[in-house]
Amino acid sequence: MRTVALAATDGMLHFELAVATELFGSDLTHITDPWYDFAICGAKAVRVGRFLVEPDHGLDHLPSAGTVIVPALADVDVDPPADLVDAVRAAHEAGARIVSLCTGAFVLAAAGLLDGLRATTHWAHTDALAARYPQVEVDPDVLYVDNGSVLTAAGKAAAMDLCLHLVRTDHGSAIANVVARRMVVPPHRAGGQAQFVSTPMPPQDDRPLGVLFPWVAERLDQPLTVEDLARQANMSSRNLGRHFRSATGTTPLQWLLTQRIRRAQELLETTDESVDAIAEAAGMGTATTLRRHFHRTVGVPPDTYRRTFRS
């Protein structure tokens, strides 16, 4: 999966193309080695907005890549180029992981890769995608969807979310967090839920919860309640819930559980502590409780998660 090919054609949007190029095409071997081998593939020099992009290889190079990324198309009312659709389909048949950013989902749908699958694209074009390809289960409410070998992202910044999700899947959350800090973006925004995804602390600012978030992070091993959080924030439990919904999109208890799962993920990746010890450190009480919540949230048991990122 660490050989990444970006499929380029005329009429693509430069933001998504640049995001993928910056993340996968930069030399980040000082963070982890090996990083990705990256190439831009196209039939010819590609006009992307005001820019002219010179591909490294032709589209026939796509089937040799482990991951193929299809950036956004500017005009979704026009059928995507047949040679691009054919090359993406051939790459998928060869076993590549296929990733679309924003309206790149229309290319994947045209290639038949989204048939019977849940997928997303920019919210402004979800109705068009659903109408043109009724065999696709279009979800307009998520940032991205991970179907394993086929992944789709919503618009603009969601492209970065999905790219970081790929890094987390391939290298683990610790490396993904370092890369995110380098790019000055959150490691993950809540949205499309998939395996090996963790939700970070919301940013500290001058909102009423700005001081509460780090206070909780220092006490995840303790049996905190909503009343504890409300008392620390100097507000009622009901008012706390309203602020939490506004700041995080979820309830205080669900947010707290997410932080505990995230702490467990980090400890599983970076320490040799037992699951019992990690459960205690993450405030989950027992290994049984941790395993139940971890499996439900992440999709695999803690031991499997650890083996994945230690292999």
C-alpha atoms as a PDB file:
ATOM      1  CA  MET A   1       0.000   0.000   0.000  1.00  0.00           C
ATOM      2  CA  ARG A   2       2.997   2.313   0.354  1.00  0.00           C
ATOM      3  CA  THR A   3       3.395   2.806  -3.381  1.00  0.00           C
ATOM      4  CA  VAL A   4       0.952   5.649  -4.042  1.00  0.00           C
ATOM      5  CA  ALA A   5      -0.103   6.713  -7.528  1.00  0.00           C
ATOM      6  CA  LEU A   6      -2.185   9.819  -8.083  1.00  0.00           C
ATOM      7  CA  ALA A   7      -4.379   9.543 -11.187  1.00  0.00           C
ATOM      8  CA  ALA A   8      -4.485  12.907 -12.965  1.00  0.00           C
ATOM      9  CA  THR A   9      -6.468  14.206 -15.906  1.00  0.00           C
ATOM     10  CA  ASP A  10      -7.558  17.572 -17.278  1.00  0.00           C
ATOM     11  CA  GLY A  11     -10.337  19.294 -15.348  1.00  0.00           C
ATOM     12  CA  MET A  12      -9.318  18.201 -11.864  1.00  0.00           C
ATOM     13  CA  LEU A  13      -9.322  20.574  -8.909  1.00  0.00           C
ATOM     14  CA  HIS A  14      -5.940  21.603  -7.582  1.00  0.00           C
ATOM     15  CA  PHE A  15      -6.724  21.567  -3.858  1.00  0.00           C
ATOM     16  CA  GLU A  16      -7.297  17.829  -3.559  1.00  0.00           C
ATOM     17  CA  LEU A  17      -4.422  17.064  -5.912  1.00  0.00           C
ATOM     18  CA  ALA A  18      -2.109  19.272  -3.852  1.00  0.00           C
ATOM     19  CA  VAL A  19      -3.243  17.743  -0.544  1.00  0.00           C
ATOM     20  CA  ALA A  20      -2.400  14.216  -1.688  1.00  0.00           C
ATOM     21  CA  THR A  21       0.889  15.334  -3.250  1.00  0.00           C
ATOM     22  CA  GLU A  22       1.971  17.229  -0.132  1.00  0.00           C
ATOM     23  CA  LEU A  23       1.189  14.372   2.227  1.00  0.00           C
ATOM     24  CA  PHE A  24       2.301  11.313   0.255  1.00  0.00           C
ATOM     25  CA  GLY A  25       4.842  12.974  -2.033  1.00  0.00           C
ATOM     26  CA  SER A  26       6.877  14.788   0.626  1.00  0.00           C
ATOM     27  CA  ASP A  27       9.994  13.160   2.055  1.00  0.00           C
ATOM     28  CA  LEU A  28       8.904  12.307   5.590  1.00  0.00           C
ATOM     29  CA  THR A  29      11.480   9.598   6.229  1.00  0.00           C
ATOM     30  CA  HIS A  30      12.653  11.676   9.191  1.00  0.00           C
ATOM     31  CA  ILE A  31       9.282  10.792  10.779  1.00  0.00           C
ATOM     32  CA  THR A  32       9.179   7.147   9.725  1.00  0.00           C
ATOM     33  CA  ASP A  33      11.205   5.150   7.231  1.00  0.00           C
ATOM     34  CA  PRO A  34      10.160   3.883   4.775  1.00  0.00           C
ATOM     35  CA  TRP A  35       7.610   6.529   3.799  1.00  0.00           C
ATOM     36  CA  TYR A  36       5.566   6.339   0.591  1.00  0.00           C
ATOM     37  CA  ASP A  37       6.859   6.018  -2.973  1.00  0.00           C
ATOM     38  CA  PHE A  38       4.717   8.580  -4.790  1.00  0.00           C
ATOM     39  CA  ALA A  39       4.038   9.205  -8.475  1.00  0.00           C
ATOM     40  CA  ILE A  40       1.603  11.278 -10.517  1.00  0.00           C
ATOM     41  CA  CYS A  41       0.143   9.340 -13.439  1.00  0.00           C
ATOM     42  CA  GLY A  42      -1.599  10.761 -16.481  1.00  0.00           C
ATOM     43  CA  ALA A  43      -1.942  10.270 -20.214  1.00  0.00           C
ATOM     44  CA  LYS A  44      -0.263  13.621 -20.894  1.00  0.00           C
ATOM     45  CA  ALA A  45       0.545  16.963 -19.298  1.00  0.00           C
ATOM     46  CA  VAL A  46      -2.486  17.820 -17.190  1.00  0.00           C
ATOM     47  CA  ARG A  47      -4.113  21.234 -16.850  1.00  0.00           C
ATOM     48  CA  VAL A  48      -5.234  21.727 -13.236  1.00  0.00           C
ATOM     49  CA  GLY A  49      -6.776  25.167 -12.856  1.00  0.00           C
ATOM     50  CA  ARG A  50      -3.944  27.660 -13.436  1.00  0.00           C
ATOM     51  CA  PHE A  51      -1.303  24.953 -13.159  1.00  0.00           C
ATOM     52  CA  LEU A  52       0.222  22.507 -15.622  1.00  0.00           C
ATOM     53  CA  VAL A  53       1.196  19.157 -14.093  1.00  0.00           C
ATOM     54  CA  GLU A  54       3.753  16.879 -15.753  1.00  0.00           C
ATOM     55  CA  PRO A  55       2.978  13.242 -14.844  1.00  0.00           C
ATOM     56  CA  ASP A  56       5.767  10.853 -13.908  1.00  0.00           C
ATOM     57  CA  HIS A  57       4.088   7.928 -15.663  1.00  0.00           C
ATOM     58  CA  GLY A  58       1.141   7.130 -17.889  1.00  0.00           C
ATOM     59  CA  LEU A  59      -2.174   5.840 -16.606  1.00  0.00           C
ATOM     60  CA  ASP A  60      -1.001   2.308 -17.394  1.00  0.00           C
ATOM     61  CA  HIS A  61       1.203   2.606 -14.291  1.00  0.00           C
ATOM     62  CA  LEU A  62      -1.801   2.604 -11.928  1.00  0.00           C
ATOM     63  CA  PRO A  63      -2.209  -1.205 -11.671  1.00  0.00           C
ATOM     64  CA  SER A  64       1.332  -1.486 -10.300  1.00  0.00           C
ATOM     65  CA  ALA A  65       0.563   0.810  -7.347  1.00  0.00           C
ATOM     66  CA  GLY A  66      -0.565  -0.298  -3.918  1.00  0.00           C
ATOM     67  CA  THR A  67      -2.800   2.761  -3.494  1.00  0.00           C
ATOM     68  CA  VAL A  68      -4.407   4.835  -6.243  1.00  0.00           C
ATOM     69  CA  ILE A  69      -5.783   8.291  -5.413  1.00  0.00           C
ATOM     70  CA  VAL A  70      -8.332  10.007  -7.671  1.00  0.00           C
ATOM     71  CA  PRO A  71      -8.631  13.766  -6.950  1.00  0.00           C
ATOM     72  CA  ALA A  72     -11.740  15.868  -7.519  1.00  0.00           C
ATOM     73  CA  LEU A  73     -13.281  16.628 -10.905  1.00  0.00           C
ATOM     74  CA  ALA A  74     -14.421  20.191 -11.532  1.00  0.00           C
ATOM     75  CA  ASP A  75     -17.397  19.299 -13.758  1.00  0.00           C
ATOM     76  CA  VAL A  76     -19.437  16.344 -12.525  1.00  0.00           C
ATOM     77  CA  ASP A  77     -22.032  16.826 -15.272  1.00  0.00           C
ATOM     78  CA  VAL A  78     -19.545  15.512 -17.820  1.00  0.00           C
ATOM     79  CA  ASP A  79     -18.681  11.814 -17.912  1.00  0.00           C
ATOM     80  CA  PRO A  80     -15.139  11.244 -16.583  1.00  0.00           C
ATOM     81  CA  PRO A  81     -12.524  10.361 -19.230  1.00  0.00           C
ATOM     82  CA  ALA A  82     -12.871   6.752 -20.365  1.00  0.00           C
ATOM     83  CA  ASP A  83      -9.116   6.083 -20.178  1.00  0.00           C
ATOM     84  CA  LEU A  84      -9.075   7.249 -16.544  1.00  0.00           C
ATOM     85  CA  VAL A  85     -12.088   5.088 -15.648  1.00  0.00           C
ATOM     86  CA  ASP A  86     -10.543   2.048 -17.339  1.00  0.00           C
ATOM     87  CA  ALA A  87      -7.178   2.574 -15.621  1.00  0.00           C
ATOM     88  CA  VAL A  88      -8.762   2.914 -12.183  1.00  0.00           C
ATOM     89  CA  ARG A  89     -10.838  -0.211 -12.748  1.00  0.00           C
ATOM     90  CA  ALA A  90      -7.724  -2.119 -13.871  1.00  0.00           C
ATOM     91  CA  ALA A  91      -5.850  -0.975 -10.767  1.00  0.00           C
ATOM     92  CA  HIS A  92      -8.658  -2.207  -8.544  1.00  0.00           C
ATOM     93  CA  GLU A  93      -8.693  -5.572 -10.315  1.00  0.00           C
ATOM     94  CA  ALA A  94      -4.929  -5.777  -9.756  1.00  0.00           C
ATOM     95  CA  GLY A  95      -5.492  -5.400  -6.000  1.00  0.00           C
ATOM     96  CA  ALA A  96      -4.809  -1.705  -5.453  1.00  0.00           C
ATOM     97  CA  ARG A  97      -6.539   0.276  -2.721  1.00  0.00           C
ATOM     98  CA  ILE A  98      -8.605   2.911  -4.555  1.00  0.00           C
ATOM     99  CA  VAL A  99      -9.229   6.290  -2.897  1.00  0.00           C
ATOM    100  CA  SER A 100     -11.346   9.160  -4.215  1.00  0.00           C
ATOM    101  CA  LEU A 101     -11.213  12.702  -2.896  1.00  0.00           C
ATOM    102  CA  CYS A 102     -14.333  14.865  -3.186  1.00  0.00           C
ATOM    103  CA  THR A 103     -15.939  14.418  -6.633  1.00  0.00           C
ATOM    104  CA  GLY A 104     -13.353  11.832  -7.610  1.00  0.00           C
ATOM    105  CA  ALA A 105     -16.092   9.472  -6.392  1.00  0.00           C
ATOM    106  CA  PHE A 106     -17.767   9.915  -9.783  1.00  0.00           C
ATOM    107  CA  VAL A 107     -14.780   8.202 -11.402  1.00  0.00           C
ATOM    108  CA  LEU A 108     -15.012   5.264  -8.994  1.00  0.00           C
ATOM    109  CA  ALA A 109     -18.759   5.015  -9.563  1.00  0.00           C
ATOM    110  CA  ALA A 110     -18.296   5.067 -13.346  1.00  0.00           C
ATOM    111  CA  ALA A 111     -15.781   2.231 -12.978  1.00  0.00           C
ATOM    112  CA  GLY A 112     -18.375   0.194 -11.043  1.00  0.00           C
ATOM    113  CA  LEU A 113     -16.236   0.131  -7.894  1.00  0.00           C
ATOM    114  CA  LEU A 114     -18.950   1.612  -5.664  1.00  0.00           C
ATOM    115  CA  ASP A 115     -21.783  -0.698  -6.692  1.00  0.00           C
ATOM    116  CA  GLY A 116     -23.513  -1.977  -3.564  1.00  0.00           C
ATOM    117  CA  LEU A 117     -21.213   0.036  -1.308  1.00  0.00           C
ATOM    118  CA  ARG A 118     -21.655   3.034   0.952  1.00  0.00           C
ATOM    119  CA  ALA A 119     -19.832   6.096  -0.391  1.00  0.00           C
ATOM    120  CA  THR A 120     -19.697   9.855  -0.077  1.00  0.00           C
ATOM    121  CA  THR A 121     -18.629  12.956  -1.964  1.00  0.00           C
ATOM    122  CA  HIS A 122     -18.942  16.720  -1.545  1.00  0.00           C
ATOM    123  CA  TRP A 123     -22.371  17.491  -0.056  1.00  0.00           C
ATOM    124  CA  ALA A 124     -23.253  19.699  -3.029  1.00  0.00           C
ATOM    125  CA  HIS A 125     -22.966  16.699  -5.369  1.00  0.00           C
ATOM    126  CA  THR A 126     -24.325  13.795  -3.307  1.00  0.00           C
ATOM    127  CA  ASP A 127     -27.765  14.023  -4.949  1.00  0.00           C
ATOM    128  CA  ALA A 128     -26.183  13.945  -8.405  1.00  0.00           C
ATOM    129  CA  LEU A 129     -24.050  10.934  -7.502  1.00  0.00           C
ATOM    130  CA  ALA A 130     -27.055   9.069  -6.104  1.00  0.00           C
ATOM    131  CA  ALA A 131     -29.232   9.899  -9.126  1.00  0.00           C
ATOM    132  CA  ARG A 132     -26.631   8.902 -11.714  1.00  0.00           C
ATOM    133  CA  TYR A 133     -25.508   5.743  -9.912  1.00  0.00           C
ATOM    134  CA  PRO A 134     -28.530   4.391  -8.001  1.00  0.00           C
ATOM    135  CA  GLN A 135     -26.649   1.190  -7.149  1.00  0.00           C
ATOM    136  CA  VAL A 136     -24.387   3.245  -4.855  1.00  0.00           C
ATOM    137  CA  GLU A 137     -25.456   3.904  -1.251  1.00  0.00           C
ATOM    138  CA  VAL A 138     -24.572   7.597  -1.030  1.00  0.00           C
ATOM    139  CA  ASP A 139     -24.116   8.972   2.496  1.00  0.00           C
ATOM    140  CA  PRO A 140     -24.078  12.799   2.526  1.00  0.00           C
ATOM    141  CA  ASP A 141     -23.478  13.151   6.255  1.00  0.00           C
ATOM    142  CA  VAL A 142     -19.961  11.767   6.731  1.00  0.00           C
ATOM    143  CA  LEU A 143     -16.458  13.032   6.063  1.00  0.00           C
ATOM    144  CA  TYR A 144     -15.305   9.806   4.492  1.00  0.00           C
ATOM    145  CA  VAL A 145     -16.196   6.145   4.073  1.00  0.00           C
ATOM    146  CA  ASP A 146     -13.704   3.276   4.356  1.00  0.00           C
ATOM    147  CA  ASN A 147     -14.807   0.073   2.630  1.00  0.00           C
ATOM    148  CA  GLY A 148     -11.381  -1.516   2.925  1.00  0.00           C
ATOM    149  CA  SER A 149     -10.122  -1.569  -0.655  1.00  0.00           C
ATOM    150  CA  VAL A 150     -12.304   1.358  -1.780  1.00  0.00           C
ATOM    151  CA  LEU A 151     -12.474   4.660   0.117  1.00  0.00           C
ATOM    152  CA  THR A 152     -14.287   7.910  -0.642  1.00  0.00           C
ATOM    153  CA  ALA A 153     -14.033  11.361   0.948  1.00  0.00           C
ATOM    154  CA  ALA A 154     -16.293  14.391   1.062  1.00  0.00           C
ATOM    155  CA  GLY A 155     -15.107  17.801  -0.100  1.00  0.00           C
ATOM    156  CA  LYS A 156     -11.970  19.863   0.483  1.00  0.00           C
ATOM    157  CA  ALA A 157     -10.734  19.486   4.071  1.00  0.00           C
ATOM    158  CA  ALA A 158     -12.269  15.998   4.282  1.00  0.00           C
ATOM    159  CA  ALA A 159      -9.658  14.972   1.713  1.00  0.00           C
ATOM    160  CA  MET A 160      -7.013  15.683   4.328  1.00  0.00           C
ATOM    161  CA  ASP A 161      -8.981  13.688   6.892  1.00  0.00           C
ATOM    162  CA  LEU A 162      -9.039  10.650   4.630  1.00  0.00           C
ATOM    163  CA  CYS A 163      -5.361  10.982   3.689  1.00  0.00           C
ATOM    164  CA  LEU A 164      -4.428  11.069   7.380  1.00  0.00           C
ATOM    165  CA  HIS A 165      -6.685   8.068   7.940  1.00  0.00           C
ATOM    166  CA  LEU A 166      -4.619   6.193   5.345  1.00  0.00           C
ATOM    167  CA  VAL A 167      -1.427   7.152   7.169  1.00  0.00           C
ATOM    168  CA  ARG A 168      -2.963   5.991  10.460  1.00  0.00           C
ATOM    169  CA  THR A 169      -4.016   2.695   8.892  1.00  0.00           C
ATOM    170  CA  ASP A 170      -0.563   2.102   7.389  1.00  0.00           C
ATOM    171  CA  HIS A 171       1.718   3.519  10.097  1.00  0.00           C
ATOM    172  CA  GLY A 172      -0.341   3.804  13.295  1.00  0.00           C
ATOM    173  CA  SER A 173      -1.869   6.717  15.166  1.00  0.00           C
ATOM    174  CA  ALA A 174       1.392   7.993  16.678  1.00  0.00           C
ATOM    175  CA  ILE A 175       2.915   8.604  13.227  1.00  0.00           C
ATOM    176  CA  ALA A 176      -0.343  10.048  11.871  1.00  0.00           C
ATOM    177  CA  ASN A 177      -0.473  12.496  14.767  1.00  0.00           C
ATOM    178  CA  VAL A 178       3.094  13.660  14.087  1.00  0.00           C
ATOM    179  CA  VAL A 179       2.285  14.153  10.410  1.00  0.00           C
ATOM    180  CA  ALA A 180      -0.896  16.045  11.319  1.00  0.00           C
ATOM    181  CA  ARG A 181       1.025  18.370  13.619  1.00  0.00           C
ATOM    182  CA  ARG A 182       3.524  19.019  10.816  1.00  0.00           C
ATOM    183  CA  MET A 183       0.644  20.050   8.574  1.00  0.00           C
ATOM    184  CA  VAL A 184      -1.072  21.994  11.395  1.00  0.00           C
ATOM    185  CA  VAL A 185      -4.343  20.066  11.175  1.00  0.00           C
ATOM    186  CA  PRO A 186      -6.245  17.859  13.646  1.00  0.00           C
ATOM    187  CA  PRO A 187      -5.239  14.162  13.523  1.00  0.00           C
ATOM    188  CA  HIS A 188      -8.876  13.268  12.894  1.00  0.00           C
ATOM    189  CA  ARG A 189     -12.245  14.986  12.784  1.00  0.00           C
ATOM    190  CA  ALA A 190     -15.275  13.028  13.903  1.00  0.00           C
ATOM    191  CA  GLY A 191     -17.240  11.883  10.896  1.00  0.00           C
ATOM    192  CA  GLY A 192     -16.956   8.685   8.929  1.00  0.00           C
ATOM    193  CA  GLN A 193     -16.194   5.907  11.375  1.00  0.00           C
ATOM    194  CA  ALA A 194     -13.806   3.153  10.346  1.00  0.00           C
ATOM    195  CA  GLN A 195     -11.269   0.827  11.902  1.00  0.00           C
ATOM    196  CA  PHE A 196      -8.217   2.345  13.536  1.00  0.00           C
ATOM    197  CA  VAL A 197      -9.662   5.860  13.723  1.00  0.00           C
ATOM    198  CA  SER A 198      -9.318   7.944  16.872  1.00  0.00           C
ATOM    199  CA  THR A 199     -10.833  11.331  17.687  1.00  0.00           C
ATOM    200  CA  PRO A 200      -8.455  13.954  19.098  1.00  0.00           C
ATOM    201  CA  MET A 201      -9.039  16.585  21.710  1.00  0.00           C
ATOM    202  CA  PRO A 202     -10.934  19.558  20.279  1.00  0.00           C
ATOM    203  CA  PRO A 203      -8.669  22.615  20.047  1.00  0.00           C
ATOM    204  CA  GLN A 204      -8.192  24.750  23.113  1.00  0.00           C
ATOM    205  CA  ASP A 205      -9.589  28.232  22.729  1.00  0.00           C
ATOM    206  CA  ASP A 206     -11.609  30.743  24.678  1.00  0.00           C
ATOM    207  CA  ARG A 207     -14.785  28.671  24.686  1.00  0.00           C
ATOM    208  CA  PRO A 208     -16.158  27.587  28.083  1.00  0.00           C
ATOM    209  CA  LEU A 209     -14.730  24.084  27.571  1.00  0.00           C
ATOM    210  CA  GLY A 210     -11.248  25.238  26.565  1.00  0.00           C
ATOM    211  CA  VAL A 211      -9.812  24.600  30.033  1.00  0.00           C
ATOM    212  CA  LEU A 212     -11.882  21.479  30.673  1.00  0.00           C
ATOM    213  CA  PHE A 213     -10.468  19.396  27.819  1.00  0.00           C
ATOM    214  CA  PRO A 214      -6.842  19.277  29.073  1.00  0.00           C
ATOM    215  CA  TRP A 215      -8.088  18.817  32.641  1.00  0.00           C
ATOM    216  CA  VAL A 216      -9.906  15.667  31.537  1.00  0.00           C
ATOM    217  CA  ALA A 217      -6.905  14.440  29.528  1.00  0.00           C
ATOM    218  CA  GLU A 218      -4.794  14.446  32.700  1.00  0.00           C
ATOM    219  CA  ARG A 219      -7.409  12.401  34.597  1.00  0.00           C
ATOM    220  CA  LEU A 220      -8.573   9.734  32.143  1.00  0.00           C
ATOM    221  CA  ASP A 221      -7.501   7.036  34.612  1.00  0.00           C
ATOM    222  CA  GLN A 222     -10.064   8.334  37.111  1.00  0.00           C
ATOM    223  CA  PRO A 223     -13.809   7.467  37.251  1.00  0.00           C
ATOM    224  CA  LEU A 224     -15.089  10.808  35.946  1.00  0.00           C
ATOM    225  CA  THR A 225     -18.812  11.546  35.678  1.00  0.00           C
ATOM    226  CA  VAL A 226     -20.798  14.217  33.866  1.00  0.00           C
ATOM    227  CA  GLU A 227     -21.290  15.897  37.230  1.00  0.00           C
ATOM    228  CA  ASP A 228     -17.509  15.978  37.739  1.00  0.00           C
ATOM    229  CA  LEU A 229     -17.037  17.636  34.360  1.00  0.00           C
ATOM    230  CA  ALA A 230     -19.854  20.123  34.971  1.00  0.00           C
ATOM    231  CA  ARG A 231     -18.441  21.055  38.367  1.00  0.00           C
ATOM    232  CA  GLN A 232     -14.981  21.617  36.898  1.00  0.00           C
ATOM    233  CA  ALA A 233     -16.464  23.741  34.092  1.00  0.00           C
ATOM    234  CA  ASN A 234     -18.518  25.675  36.675  1.00  0.00           C
ATOM    235  CA  MET A 235     -21.827  25.057  34.948  1.00  0.00           C
ATOM    236  CA  SER A 236     -24.876  22.821  35.229  1.00  0.00           C
ATOM    237  CA  SER A 237     -24.910  19.361  33.645  1.00  0.00           C
ATOM    238  CA  ARG A 238     -27.572  20.514  31.178  1.00  0.00           C
ATOM    239  CA  ASN A 239     -25.542  23.566  30.177  1.00  0.00           C
ATOM    240  CA  LEU A 240     -22.439  21.387  29.864  1.00  0.00           C
ATOM    241  CA  GLY A 241     -24.305  19.115  27.470  1.00  0.00           C
ATOM    242  CA  ARG A 242     -25.269  22.053  25.262  1.00  0.00           C
ATOM    243  CA  HIS A 243     -21.686  23.317  25.126  1.00  0.00           C
ATOM    244  CA  PHE A 244     -20.361  19.826  24.403  1.00  0.00           C
ATOM    245  CA  ARG A 245     -22.817  19.338  21.568  1.00  0.00           C
ATOM    246  CA  SER A 246     -21.745  22.643  20.055  1.00  0.00           C
ATOM    247  CA  ALA A 247     -17.997  22.053  20.475  1.00  0.00           C
ATOM    248  CA  THR A 248     -17.697  18.340  19.723  1.00  0.00           C
ATOM    249  CA  GLY A 249     -20.943  17.255  18.086  1.00  0.00           C
ATOM    250  CA  THR A 250     -21.567  14.646  20.776  1.00  0.00           C
ATOM    251  CA  THR A 251     -22.455  14.187  24.448  1.00  0.00           C
ATOM    252  CA  PRO A 252     -19.999  14.522  27.354  1.00  0.00           C
ATOM    253  CA  LEU A 253     -20.138  10.777  28.102  1.00  0.00           C
ATOM    254  CA  GLN A 254     -19.617   9.739  24.483  1.00  0.00           C
ATOM    255  CA  TRP A 255     -16.759  12.214  24.133  1.00  0.00           C
ATOM    256  CA  LEU A 256     -15.184  10.922  27.340  1.00  0.00           C
ATOM    257  CA  LEU A 257     -15.456   7.332  26.093  1.00  0.00           C
ATOM    258  CA  THR A 258     -13.801   8.346  22.817  1.00  0.00           C
ATOM    259  CA  GLN A 259     -10.898   9.903  24.723  1.00  0.00           C
ATOM    260  CA  ARG A 260     -10.495   6.718  26.769  1.00  0.00           C
ATOM    261  CA  ILE A 261     -10.447   4.597  23.620  1.00  0.00           C
ATOM    262  CA  ARG A 262      -7.908   6.953  22.064  1.00  0.00           C
ATOM    263  CA  ARG A 263      -5.682   6.672  25.150  1.00  0.00           C
ATOM    264  CA  ALA A 264      -5.944   2.880  24.954  1.00  0.00           C
ATOM    265  CA  GLN A 265      -4.962   2.953  21.269  1.00  0.00           C
ATOM    266  CA  GLU A 266      -1.867   4.998  22.011  1.00  0.00           C
ATOM    267  CA  LEU A 267      -0.815   2.688  24.845  1.00  0.00           C
ATOM    268  CA  LEU A 268      -1.402  -0.427  22.736  1.00  0.00           C
ATOM    269  CA  GLU A 269       0.786   1.017  19.997  1.00  0.00           C
ATOM    270  CA  THR A 270       3.608   2.410  22.097  1.00  0.00           C
ATOM    271  CA  THR A 271       3.901   0.206  25.230  1.00  0.00           C
ATOM    272  CA  ASP A 272       4.088  -3.446  26.228  1.00  0.00           C
ATOM    273  CA  GLU A 273       1.613  -2.976  29.081  1.00  0.00           C
ATOM    274  CA  SER A 274      -1.001  -5.687  29.513  1.00  0.00           C
ATOM    275  CA  VAL A 275      -4.585  -5.087  28.441  1.00  0.00           C
ATOM    276  CA  ASP A 276      -5.556  -5.023  32.129  1.00  0.00           C
ATOM    277  CA  ALA A 277      -3.023  -2.285  32.858  1.00  0.00           C
ATOM    278  CA  ILE A 278      -4.099  -0.308  29.802  1.00  0.00           C
ATOM    279  CA  ALA A 279      -7.750  -0.617  30.817  1.00  0.00           C
ATOM    280  CA  GLU A 280      -6.885   0.890  34.192  1.00  0.00           C
ATOM    281  CA  ALA A 281      -4.748   3.663  32.693  1.00  0.00           C
ATOM    282  CA  ALA A 282      -7.513   4.579  30.254  1.00  0.00           C
ATOM    283  CA  GLY A 283     -10.152   4.642  32.983  1.00  0.00           C
ATOM    284  CA  MET A 284     -12.037   1.638  31.624  1.00  0.00           C
ATOM    285  CA  GLY A 285     -11.770  -0.319  34.875  1.00  0.00           C
ATOM    286  CA  THR A 286     -11.333  -3.867  33.625  1.00  0.00           C
ATOM    287  CA  ALA A 287      -9.957  -5.575  30.538  1.00  0.00           C
ATOM    288  CA  THR A 288     -13.443  -6.939  29.830  1.00  0.00           C
ATOM    289  CA  THR A 289     -14.930  -3.446  29.726  1.00  0.00           C
ATOM    290  CA  LEU A 290     -12.098  -2.177  27.538  1.00  0.00           C
ATOM    291  CA  ARG A 291     -12.432  -5.069  25.110  1.00  0.00           C
ATOM    292  CA  ARG A 292     -16.193  -4.538  24.773  1.00  0.00           C
ATOM    293  CA  HIS A 293     -16.008  -0.802  24.094  1.00  0.00           C
ATOM    294  CA  PHE A 294     -12.799  -1.040  22.032  1.00  0.00           C
ATOM    295  CA  HIS A 295     -14.176  -3.719  19.726  1.00  0.00           C
ATOM    296  CA  ARG A 296     -17.439  -1.848  19.252  1.00  0.00           C
ATOM    297  CA  THR A 297     -15.707   1.479  18.539  1.00  0.00           C
ATOM    298  CA  VAL A 298     -12.589   0.463  16.610  1.00  0.00           C
ATOM    299  CA  GLY A 299     -13.875  -2.719  15.023  1.00  0.00           C
ATOM    300  CA  VAL A 300     -11.271  -5.171  16.338  1.00  0.00           C
ATOM    301  CA  PRO A 301     -10.193  -6.395  19.810  1.00  0.00           C
ATOM    302  CA  PRO A 302      -7.289  -4.618  21.576  1.00  0.00           C
ATOM    303  CA  ASP A 303      -4.900  -7.548  21.014  1.00  0.00           C
ATOM    304  CA  THR A 304      -5.588  -7.563  17.287  1.00  0.00           C
ATOM    305  CA  TYR A 305      -5.120  -3.808  17.136  1.00  0.00           C
ATOM    306  CA  ARG A 306      -1.748  -4.102  18.890  1.00  0.00           C
ATOM    307  CA  ARG A 307      -0.562  -6.863  16.548  1.00  0.00           C
ATOM    308  CA  THR A 308      -1.585  -4.794  13.530  1.00  0.00           C
ATOM    309  CA  PHE A 309       0.619  -1.862  14.503  1.00  0.00           C
ATOM    310  CA  ARG A 310       3.474  -3.941  15.884  1.00  0.00           C
ATOM    311  CA  SER A 311       3.761  -6.077  12.720  1.00  0.00           C
END
